[in-house]
């Protein structure tokens, strides 16, 4: 018996199956498929010390390190772009300029409208910060009646709003516009406010530039942080969650909780205030020549600027008691050997100083890695290459490693002790001075690294196009 409607039914099913196949074939690729097809992960970030910045050896910051690891896990290159505000980063994600955002972000505000969060991969402690010499607040009740400052539309402003629900209207604060040039820490350091709230990791890093500020206590509530992806990017979010949960990722995040800058002695408050002021007043006039010198020598221009600041505080008319001249404090004979006709011409002086530093660094054995190489070059710039070599010989004689700065810096002060300098080839030297010189240049450099945005050309470079970490320095394109 013929089944009524049978052939027609099978024809209908066949047509439906064909249509379903066509729909499946023309479905747009997922975000993660697009990333793998183009071979590039595009990440929006912010220029912050704990997030992303261009250091002396290239990009640095926890979010850069994590994003680079994630890109490698996908088998693609990393293109990380810093934006000036969270608002711009949200827009980059919304429009598809970025595949994801990574900048110590909390799922709040506009992110909740346009993005999906990853799993929480860290909890950032919040510090109540006050000015040294003022009355230390002992708890949240002591915040009533204090002049508090925060950035508008920030997680810290949200926390203050939550505290006011508990403390009442006695808790008031000033909100700086999200795009304001001044930071809450600047307002606090200037004495125009009593209190602000800061992410603990960021405060550990930037305390170098604000030694007059102290942490009073940690708030009970920490700030969860996540990566953000566009809505409907479920496959990418699932891949990110698996990456963030991996043991190696969790170990990297835990290691970043202790900042290396904490182990360095901090600038004195007066020196820090002067440096911050000179960044605003003197650096803009000299920066084009620092950048030019950086391009010529392939040194980070901020390293050259940090040396110049330690030498003369960026004073083009500086003159020392022993005859050193100008911003980089070149001795007349050294200046002449470098082709510097007028040491008081800042452009000539800076370019000559950068070439001199390069000459000193290139004399060091090629086996000495970074950052030891730059530290030893800084010491030699200050005390002379011969005295540095004497200190390295002493280090080896004492059973140490002459290629490690941490051990050579222990030997340099011995050049001022008779029992040692009489045995040294070049004799006596004030060996404590190059140790202090290196330390202070590193302090200035660390501040310049996170306070100066990279040029857009450098920021858009793929990870593989940057100079390797073992290179002496990164060339930063002029802005």
Protein backbone atom coordinates (compact mmCIF):
# COMPACT_ATOMS: atom_id res chain seq x y z
CA UNK A 1 0.00 0.00 0.00
CA UNK A 2 1.33 3.43 -0.91
CA UNK A 3 1.75 5.71 2.09
CA UNK A 4 -0.29 8.79 1.32
CA UNK A 5 1.91 11.89 1.32
CA UNK A 6 5.10 9.90 1.86
CA UNK A 7 7.24 11.17 -1.06
CA UNK A 8 6.02 14.71 -0.55
CA UNK A 9 6.93 14.49 3.13
CA UNK A 10 10.45 13.33 2.31
CA UNK A 11 10.84 16.07 -0.28
CA UNK A 12 9.80 18.65 2.34
CA UNK A 13 12.27 17.30 4.88
CA UNK A 14 15.01 17.35 2.25
CA UNK A 15 14.33 20.99 1.43
CA UNK A 16 14.31 21.92 5.11
CA UNK A 17 17.61 20.11 5.66
CA UNK A 18 19.15 21.96 2.71
CA UNK A 19 17.94 25.31 4.02
CA UNK A 20 19.28 24.50 7.48
CA UNK A 21 22.65 23.67 5.96
CA UNK A 22 22.69 26.96 4.07
CA UNK A 23 21.85 28.89 7.24
CA UNK A 24 24.63 27.09 9.10
CA UNK A 25 27.16 27.78 6.34
CA UNK A 26 26.36 31.49 6.25
CA UNK A 27 26.27 32.04 10.03
CA UNK A 28 28.83 34.68 11.03
CA UNK A 29 31.99 33.37 12.69
CA UNK A 30 32.28 33.71 16.45
CA UNK A 31 34.68 36.26 17.97
CA UNK A 32 37.25 33.62 18.78
CA UNK A 33 37.05 32.26 15.21
CA UNK A 34 37.63 35.79 13.89
CA UNK A 35 40.65 36.18 16.18
CA UNK A 36 42.23 32.95 14.96
CA UNK A 37 41.45 33.73 11.33
CA UNK A 38 43.16 37.15 11.46
CA UNK A 39 45.98 35.82 13.67
CA UNK A 40 45.72 38.73 16.09
CA UNK A 41 44.11 39.34 19.48
CA UNK A 42 43.04 42.99 19.86
CA UNK A 43 42.96 44.12 23.47
CA UNK A 44 41.79 47.48 24.84
CA UNK A 45 43.59 48.60 27.99
CA UNK A 46 44.49 51.66 30.08
CA UNK A 47 47.90 53.23 30.67
CA UNK A 48 48.35 52.39 34.36
CA UNK A 49 51.31 51.10 36.37
CA UNK A 50 49.54 47.86 37.26
CA UNK A 51 47.98 47.39 33.84
CA UNK A 52 50.03 48.41 30.80
CA UNK A 53 52.83 50.85 30.11
CA UNK A 54 55.92 51.02 27.94
CA UNK A 55 58.94 50.32 30.13
CA UNK A 56 62.63 50.58 29.29
CA UNK A 57 62.57 47.12 27.72
CA UNK A 58 59.15 47.29 26.08
CA UNK A 59 55.56 46.78 27.26
CA UNK A 60 55.12 45.95 30.94
CA UNK A 61 52.31 45.59 33.46
CA UNK A 62 50.32 42.64 34.76
CA UNK A 63 47.53 42.94 32.20
CA UNK A 64 50.06 43.02 29.35
CA UNK A 65 51.77 39.89 30.69
CA UNK A 66 48.45 38.05 31.08
CA UNK A 67 47.17 39.15 27.66
CA UNK A 68 50.44 38.09 26.03
CA UNK A 69 50.13 34.66 27.68
CA UNK A 70 46.51 34.38 26.50
CA UNK A 71 47.40 35.36 22.92
CA UNK A 72 50.13 32.71 22.89
CA UNK A 73 47.65 30.13 24.15
CA UNK A 74 45.46 30.96 21.12
CA UNK A 75 48.43 30.82 18.77
CA UNK A 76 48.02 34.46 17.66
CA UNK A 77 49.95 37.69 18.09
CA UNK A 78 48.94 40.38 20.59
CA UNK A 79 47.93 43.93 19.63
CA UNK A 80 47.30 45.88 22.82
CA UNK A 81 46.01 49.45 22.55
CA UNK A 82 45.91 51.84 25.53
CA UNK A 83 42.95 54.21 25.75
CA UNK A 84 42.77 57.36 27.83
CA UNK A 85 39.64 56.39 29.79
CA UNK A 86 37.33 53.48 30.52
CA UNK A 87 34.70 55.25 28.44
CA UNK A 88 36.93 55.01 25.36
CA UNK A 89 37.77 51.38 26.10
CA UNK A 90 34.05 50.55 26.35
CA UNK A 91 33.48 52.20 22.97
CA UNK A 92 36.36 50.26 21.41
CA UNK A 93 34.78 47.02 22.60
CA UNK A 94 31.28 48.06 21.51
CA UNK A 95 32.36 48.98 17.97
CA UNK A 96 34.52 45.91 17.49
CA UNK A 97 37.86 47.76 17.49
CA UNK A 98 38.82 45.47 20.37
CA UNK A 99 38.02 41.81 20.98
CA UNK A 100 38.32 42.20 24.74
CA UNK A 101 39.31 44.71 27.43
CA UNK A 102 41.89 44.06 30.14
CA UNK A 103 42.71 46.87 32.56
CA UNK A 104 41.98 45.81 36.15
CA UNK A 105 38.30 46.42 35.34
CA UNK A 106 35.23 45.88 37.49
CA UNK A 107 31.90 44.92 35.90
CA UNK A 108 29.96 48.10 36.55
CA UNK A 109 28.51 51.13 34.77
CA UNK A 110 28.75 51.05 30.97
CA UNK A 111 30.42 47.64 31.03
CA UNK A 112 27.12 46.17 32.24
CA UNK A 113 25.39 47.61 29.17
CA UNK A 114 27.82 46.60 26.43
CA UNK A 115 29.97 43.76 27.79
CA UNK A 116 30.10 40.36 29.43
CA UNK A 117 32.58 39.81 32.28
CA UNK A 118 34.99 36.94 32.68
CA UNK A 119 35.26 35.09 35.95
CA UNK A 120 36.79 37.17 38.78
CA UNK A 121 40.53 36.62 38.55
CA UNK A 122 41.59 38.86 41.43
CA UNK A 123 40.28 40.87 44.38
CA UNK A 124 42.00 44.25 44.62
CA UNK A 125 42.33 45.66 48.13
CA UNK A 126 41.34 49.31 48.62
CA UNK A 127 43.53 51.60 50.73
CA UNK A 128 42.43 54.76 52.52
CA UNK A 129 45.32 57.17 51.91
CA UNK A 130 46.14 60.37 53.80
CA UNK A 131 48.94 62.97 53.97
CA UNK A 132 51.96 62.36 56.18
CA UNK A 133 51.75 64.59 59.27
CA UNK A 134 47.94 64.77 59.29
CA UNK A 135 45.79 62.91 61.81
CA UNK A 136 45.66 59.28 60.75
CA UNK A 137 42.09 57.99 60.30
CA UNK A 138 41.69 54.80 62.33
CA UNK A 139 38.55 53.47 60.61
CA UNK A 140 35.65 54.37 58.36
CA UNK A 141 33.92 56.35 61.15
CA UNK A 142 36.89 58.75 61.07
CA UNK A 143 36.11 59.63 57.45
CA UNK A 144 33.15 61.77 58.44
CA UNK A 145 33.89 65.45 58.04
CA UNK A 146 37.19 64.86 56.16
CA UNK A 147 37.88 66.36 52.75
CA UNK A 148 37.77 63.32 50.47
CA UNK A 149 38.56 63.33 46.76
CA UNK A 150 37.85 60.68 44.11
CA UNK A 151 37.47 60.34 40.35
CA UNK A 152 33.94 60.48 39.01
CA UNK A 153 32.54 57.25 37.58
CA UNK A 154 35.23 55.17 39.27
CA UNK A 155 35.03 52.04 41.46
CA UNK A 156 36.30 54.17 44.35
CA UNK A 157 33.41 56.62 43.91
CA UNK A 158 31.04 53.64 44.01
CA UNK A 159 32.64 52.47 47.25
CA UNK A 160 32.26 55.92 48.80
CA UNK A 161 28.58 55.86 47.86
CA UNK A 162 28.27 52.50 49.59
CA UNK A 163 30.02 53.83 52.70
CA UNK A 164 27.66 56.82 52.82
CA UNK A 165 24.74 54.39 53.04
CA UNK A 166 26.32 53.21 56.31
CA UNK A 167 27.74 56.49 57.65
CA UNK A 168 25.08 58.96 56.55
CA UNK A 169 25.41 62.43 55.08
CA UNK A 170 28.43 63.20 57.28
CA UNK A 171 30.49 61.50 54.59
CA UNK A 172 31.05 63.91 51.69
CA UNK A 173 33.57 63.90 48.86
CA UNK A 174 34.66 65.85 45.81
CA UNK A 175 34.58 64.06 42.45
CA UNK A 176 37.09 65.02 39.79
CA UNK A 177 35.82 64.74 36.20
CA UNK A 178 36.75 61.40 34.65
CA UNK A 179 38.94 63.19 32.09
CA UNK A 180 40.57 65.59 34.59
CA UNK A 181 44.32 65.99 34.20
CA UNK A 182 44.96 65.95 37.94
CA UNK A 183 44.77 62.69 39.84
CA UNK A 184 43.22 62.43 43.31
CA UNK A 185 46.75 61.76 44.59
CA UNK A 186 47.90 65.11 43.14
CA UNK A 187 45.06 66.90 44.92
CA UNK A 188 45.91 65.11 48.15
CA UNK A 189 49.65 65.80 47.92
CA UNK A 190 48.93 69.50 47.25
CA UNK A 191 47.05 69.71 50.55
CA UNK A 192 43.70 70.37 48.87
CA UNK A 193 42.13 67.20 50.29
CA UNK A 194 42.62 64.95 53.32
CA UNK A 195 41.69 61.49 52.06
CA UNK A 196 41.42 59.42 48.90
CA UNK A 197 40.92 55.71 48.15
CA UNK A 198 43.44 53.87 45.98
CA UNK A 199 43.90 50.34 44.66
CA UNK A 200 46.57 48.75 46.87
CA UNK A 201 48.76 47.45 43.99
CA UNK A 202 48.71 50.85 42.29
CA UNK A 203 49.65 52.62 45.52
CA UNK A 204 52.61 50.31 46.05
CA UNK A 205 53.87 51.24 42.59
CA UNK A 206 53.22 54.99 42.55
CA UNK A 207 54.19 55.60 46.17
CA UNK A 208 57.64 56.17 44.67
CA UNK A 209 56.38 59.49 43.33
CA UNK A 210 54.24 60.36 46.37
CA UNK A 211 56.30 59.53 49.48
CA UNK A 212 54.41 62.18 51.47
CA UNK A 213 51.27 60.03 51.27
CA UNK A 214 50.62 57.11 53.61
CA UNK A 215 48.11 54.26 53.76
CA UNK A 216 45.89 54.52 56.83
CA UNK A 217 43.94 51.27 56.59
CA UNK A 218 42.39 48.83 54.17
CA UNK A 219 38.66 48.87 53.51
CA UNK A 220 36.73 45.70 54.31
CA UNK A 221 35.38 45.59 50.75
CA UNK A 222 37.83 44.72 47.98
CA UNK A 223 37.26 45.28 44.26
CA UNK A 224 36.70 42.25 42.00
CA UNK A 225 38.39 42.52 38.60
CA UNK A 226 37.52 40.81 35.34
CA UNK A 227 38.27 40.89 31.62
CA UNK A 228 35.45 42.12 29.39
CA UNK A 229 34.19 40.79 26.05
CA UNK A 230 31.39 41.94 23.78
CA UNK A 231 27.91 40.65 24.43
CA UNK A 232 27.21 37.33 22.71
CA UNK A 233 30.96 36.49 22.68
CA UNK A 234 30.22 33.42 24.76
CA UNK A 235 32.87 31.17 23.21
CA UNK A 236 35.60 33.75 23.84
CA UNK A 237 34.44 34.25 27.41
CA UNK A 238 34.50 30.51 28.08
CA UNK A 239 38.04 30.29 26.67
CA UNK A 240 39.14 33.26 28.82
CA UNK A 241 37.60 31.71 31.95
CA UNK A 242 39.54 28.49 31.39
CA UNK A 243 42.77 30.47 30.88
CA UNK A 244 42.26 32.58 34.02
CA UNK A 245 41.54 29.48 36.09
CA UNK A 246 44.75 27.74 34.98
CA UNK A 247 47.45 27.22 37.61
CA UNK A 248 50.13 29.11 35.68
CA UNK A 249 47.89 32.18 35.34
CA UNK A 250 47.00 32.15 39.02
CA UNK A 251 50.68 31.93 39.94
CA UNK A 252 51.53 34.94 37.76
CA UNK A 253 48.76 36.99 39.37
CA UNK A 254 49.91 35.98 42.85
CA UNK A 255 53.53 36.90 42.06
CA UNK A 256 52.45 40.36 40.90
CA UNK A 257 50.88 41.03 44.32
CA UNK A 258 54.35 41.93 45.66
CA UNK A 259 55.75 44.90 43.75
CA UNK A 260 59.46 45.01 43.09
CA UNK A 261 59.36 48.76 43.60
CA UNK A 262 58.53 48.23 47.27
CA UNK A 263 62.02 46.87 47.79
CA UNK A 264 63.63 50.08 46.54
CA UNK A 265 64.19 53.01 48.90
CA UNK A 266 61.70 55.72 48.04
CA UNK A 267 62.39 59.31 47.08
CA UNK A 268 62.41 61.87 49.83
CA UNK A 269 59.17 63.92 49.84
CA UNK A 270 60.90 67.16 48.86
CA UNK A 271 62.70 65.51 45.95
CA UNK A 272 59.47 63.89 44.78
CA UNK A 273 57.55 67.17 44.88
CA UNK A 274 60.28 68.90 42.89
CA UNK A 275 60.37 66.09 40.33
CA UNK A 276 56.60 66.17 39.82
CA UNK A 277 56.76 69.93 39.36
CA UNK A 278 59.62 69.70 36.85
CA UNK A 279 57.75 67.05 34.84
CA UNK A 280 55.10 69.72 34.26
CA UNK A 281 57.37 72.74 33.76
CA UNK A 282 60.82 71.69 32.48
CA UNK A 283 60.32 68.36 30.75
CA UNK A 284 57.99 69.61 27.97
CA UNK A 285 60.72 72.01 26.77
CA UNK A 286 63.40 69.30 26.66
CA UNK A 287 61.34 66.26 25.72
CA UNK A 288 61.77 66.65 21.92
CA UNK A 289 65.55 66.41 22.36
CA UNK A 290 65.33 63.48 24.77
CA UNK A 291 63.15 61.69 22.21
CA UNK A 292 65.54 62.58 19.38
CA UNK A 293 68.48 61.26 21.39
CA UNK A 294 66.50 58.09 22.13
CA UNK A 295 65.82 57.47 18.45
CA UNK A 296 69.47 58.04 17.52
CA UNK A 297 70.83 55.65 20.16
CA UNK A 298 67.89 53.20 20.43
CA UNK A 299 67.69 54.02 24.11
CA UNK A 300 64.38 54.65 25.84
CA UNK A 301 64.13 58.45 25.85
CA UNK A 302 62.80 58.32 29.41
CA UNK A 303 65.99 56.61 30.56
CA UNK A 304 67.99 59.45 28.98
CA UNK A 305 65.65 61.95 30.66
CA UNK A 306 66.02 60.21 34.03
CA UNK A 307 69.82 60.43 33.77
CA UNK A 308 69.53 64.09 32.84
CA UNK A 309 67.29 64.80 35.80
CA UNK A 310 69.61 63.12 38.27
CA UNK A 311 72.52 65.06 36.81
CA UNK A 312 71.04 68.57 36.62
CA UNK A 313 67.32 68.50 37.39
CA UNK A 314 66.92 69.36 33.69
CA UNK A 315 68.70 72.68 34.15
CA UNK A 316 70.27 73.66 30.81
CA UNK A 317 72.57 76.16 32.57
CA UNK A 318 73.78 73.76 35.28
CA UNK A 319 77.46 73.86 36.25
CA UNK A 320 79.08 71.67 38.92
CA UNK A 321 82.04 72.51 41.16
CA UNK A 322 84.28 70.19 39.12
CA UNK A 323 83.32 71.74 35.77
CA UNK A 324 80.57 69.44 34.47
CA UNK A 325 78.09 71.36 32.31
CA UNK A 326 74.50 71.34 31.11
CA UNK A 327 71.57 68.95 31.41
CA UNK A 328 73.64 65.74 31.22
CA UNK A 329 76.54 67.36 33.13
CA UNK A 330 79.24 66.61 30.59
CA UNK A 331 82.86 67.37 31.43
CA UNK A 332 84.40 69.69 28.80
CA UNK A 333 86.82 67.02 27.53
CA UNK A 334 84.03 64.45 27.29
CA UNK A 335 81.79 66.93 25.50
CA UNK A 336 84.53 67.70 22.97
CA UNK A 337 85.13 63.99 22.32
CA UNK A 338 81.42 63.58 21.60
CA UNK A 339 81.32 66.50 19.16
CA UNK A 340 79.42 68.78 21.52
CA UNK A 341 80.57 72.31 20.61
CA UNK A 342 78.32 74.13 23.08
CA UNK A 343 77.56 72.19 26.29
CA UNK A 344 74.90 74.78 27.17
CA UNK A 345 72.96 73.99 24.01
CA UNK A 346 70.49 71.46 25.47
CA UNK A 347 70.00 69.61 22.20
CA UNK A 348 73.75 69.05 21.70
CA UNK A 349 74.26 68.24 25.37
CA UNK A 350 71.44 65.67 25.58
CA UNK A 351 72.42 63.93 22.35
CA UNK A 352 76.05 63.83 23.51
CA UNK A 353 75.09 62.45 26.92
CA UNK A 354 73.01 59.70 25.34
CA UNK A 355 75.89 58.72 23.04
CA UNK A 356 78.26 58.66 26.03
CA UNK A 357 75.93 56.38 27.99
CA UNK A 358 75.70 54.10 24.96
CA UNK A 359 79.51 53.97 24.66
CA UNK A 360 79.85 53.04 28.33
CA UNK A 361 77.15 50.37 28.12
CA UNK A 362 78.64 48.82 24.99
CA UNK A 363 81.97 48.34 26.77
CA UNK A 364 80.36 45.87 29.15
CA UNK A 365 80.67 42.16 28.32
CA UNK A 366 77.83 41.03 26.07
CA UNK A 367 76.98 38.21 28.46
CA UNK A 368 75.64 40.64 31.11
CA UNK A 369 71.83 40.59 30.77
CA UNK A 370 69.24 43.24 31.47
CA UNK A 371 68.43 44.87 33.82
CA UNK A 372 71.95 44.35 35.28
CA UNK A 373 73.52 45.74 32.12
CA UNK A 374 71.74 49.09 32.31
CA UNK A 375 72.37 49.36 36.07
CA UNK A 376 76.11 48.82 35.61
CA UNK A 377 76.18 51.29 32.71
CA UNK A 378 74.51 53.88 34.95
CA UNK A 379 77.15 53.30 37.64
CA UNK A 380 79.93 53.62 35.06
CA UNK A 381 78.36 56.81 33.68
CA UNK A 382 78.67 58.27 37.16
CA UNK A 383 81.97 56.94 38.51
CA UNK A 384 83.82 55.96 35.34
CA UNK A 385 84.11 52.63 33.56
CA UNK A 386 87.48 51.82 35.14
CA UNK A 387 86.16 52.07 38.69
CA UNK A 388 83.19 49.89 37.79
CA UNK A 389 85.62 47.27 36.49
CA UNK A 390 87.56 47.48 39.76
CA UNK A 391 84.34 46.81 41.66
CA UNK A 392 83.60 43.82 39.43
CA UNK A 393 87.10 42.44 40.12
CA UNK A 394 86.54 42.91 43.86
CA UNK A 395 83.16 41.17 43.57
CA UNK A 396 84.78 38.15 41.95
CA UNK A 397 87.59 38.13 44.54
CA UNK A 398 84.96 38.00 47.29
CA UNK A 399 83.35 34.96 45.66
CA UNK A 400 80.50 36.86 44.02
CA UNK A 401 79.23 37.13 40.47
CA UNK A 402 80.72 40.17 38.69
CA UNK A 403 77.88 40.11 36.16
CA UNK A 404 75.15 40.68 38.76
CA UNK A 405 74.43 44.27 39.74
CA UNK A 406 73.02 43.22 43.13
CA UNK A 407 76.50 41.94 44.03
CA UNK A 408 78.62 44.59 42.29
CA UNK A 409 76.78 47.38 44.09
CA UNK A 410 77.87 45.82 47.39
CA UNK A 411 81.50 46.08 46.26
CA UNK A 412 81.49 49.64 44.88
CA UNK A 413 81.56 51.37 48.31
CA UNK A 414 84.69 49.34 49.15
CA UNK A 415 86.60 51.54 46.68
CA UNK A 416 86.56 54.21 49.40
CA UNK A 417 88.26 51.88 51.92
CA UNK A 418 92.06 51.88 52.00
CA UNK A 419 92.34 48.13 52.33
CA UNK A 420 90.55 47.75 49.01
CA UNK A 421 91.40 50.78 46.88
CA UNK A 422 95.14 50.24 47.34
CA UNK A 423 94.66 46.93 45.54
CA UNK A 424 92.41 48.37 42.84
CA UNK A 425 93.89 49.21 39.45
CA UNK A 426 92.36 52.72 39.38
CA UNK A 427 92.66 53.42 43.10
CA UNK A 428 90.28 55.40 45.29
CA UNK A 429 86.71 56.26 44.30
CA UNK A 430 83.65 57.50 46.18
CA UNK A 431 82.00 54.20 45.45
CA UNK A 432 78.76 54.91 47.28
CA UNK A 433 77.89 57.64 44.75
CA UNK A 434 77.31 55.39 41.70
CA UNK A 435 75.10 53.16 43.86
CA UNK A 436 72.98 56.16 44.81
CA UNK A 437 73.08 57.42 41.21
CA UNK A 438 71.70 54.15 39.81
CA UNK A 439 69.03 53.99 42.50
CA UNK A 440 67.80 57.53 41.86
CA UNK A 441 67.80 57.20 38.08
CA UNK A 442 65.71 54.04 38.45
CA UNK A 443 63.30 55.92 40.70
CA UNK A 444 62.87 58.74 38.19
CA UNK A 445 62.55 56.26 35.33
CA UNK A 446 59.82 54.28 37.08
CA UNK A 447 57.75 57.46 37.47
CA UNK A 448 58.34 58.60 33.88
CA UNK A 449 57.39 55.16 32.55
CA UNK A 450 53.84 55.30 33.83
CA UNK A 451 53.26 59.05 33.64
CA UNK A 452 54.08 59.35 29.92
CA UNK A 453 51.77 57.66 27.40
CA UNK A 454 53.44 55.79 24.55
CA UNK A 455 53.00 57.07 21.03
CA UNK A 456 50.11 55.50 19.16
CA UNK A 457 52.54 53.89 16.70
CA UNK A 458 54.32 52.04 19.50
CA UNK A 459 51.09 51.18 21.29
CA UNK A 460 49.68 49.50 18.19
CA UNK A 461 52.75 47.38 17.48
CA UNK A 462 52.18 43.66 17.72
CA UNK A 463 54.09 41.90 20.46
CA UNK A 464 56.38 40.17 18.00
CA UNK A 465 57.42 43.48 16.43
CA UNK A 466 58.82 44.92 19.64
CA UNK A 467 62.49 44.67 20.56
CA UNK A 468 63.22 41.52 22.60
CA UNK A 469 63.55 41.79 26.40
CA UNK A 470 67.29 41.17 26.13
CA UNK A 471 67.77 44.29 24.00
CA UNK A 472 69.52 47.17 25.73
CA UNK A 473 66.50 49.44 25.36
CA UNK A 474 63.35 50.02 23.38
CA UNK A 475 63.06 52.71 20.75
CA UNK A 476 59.96 54.75 21.56
CA UNK A 477 58.61 56.69 18.60
CA UNK A 478 58.17 60.44 19.02
CA UNK A 479 54.65 61.50 19.86
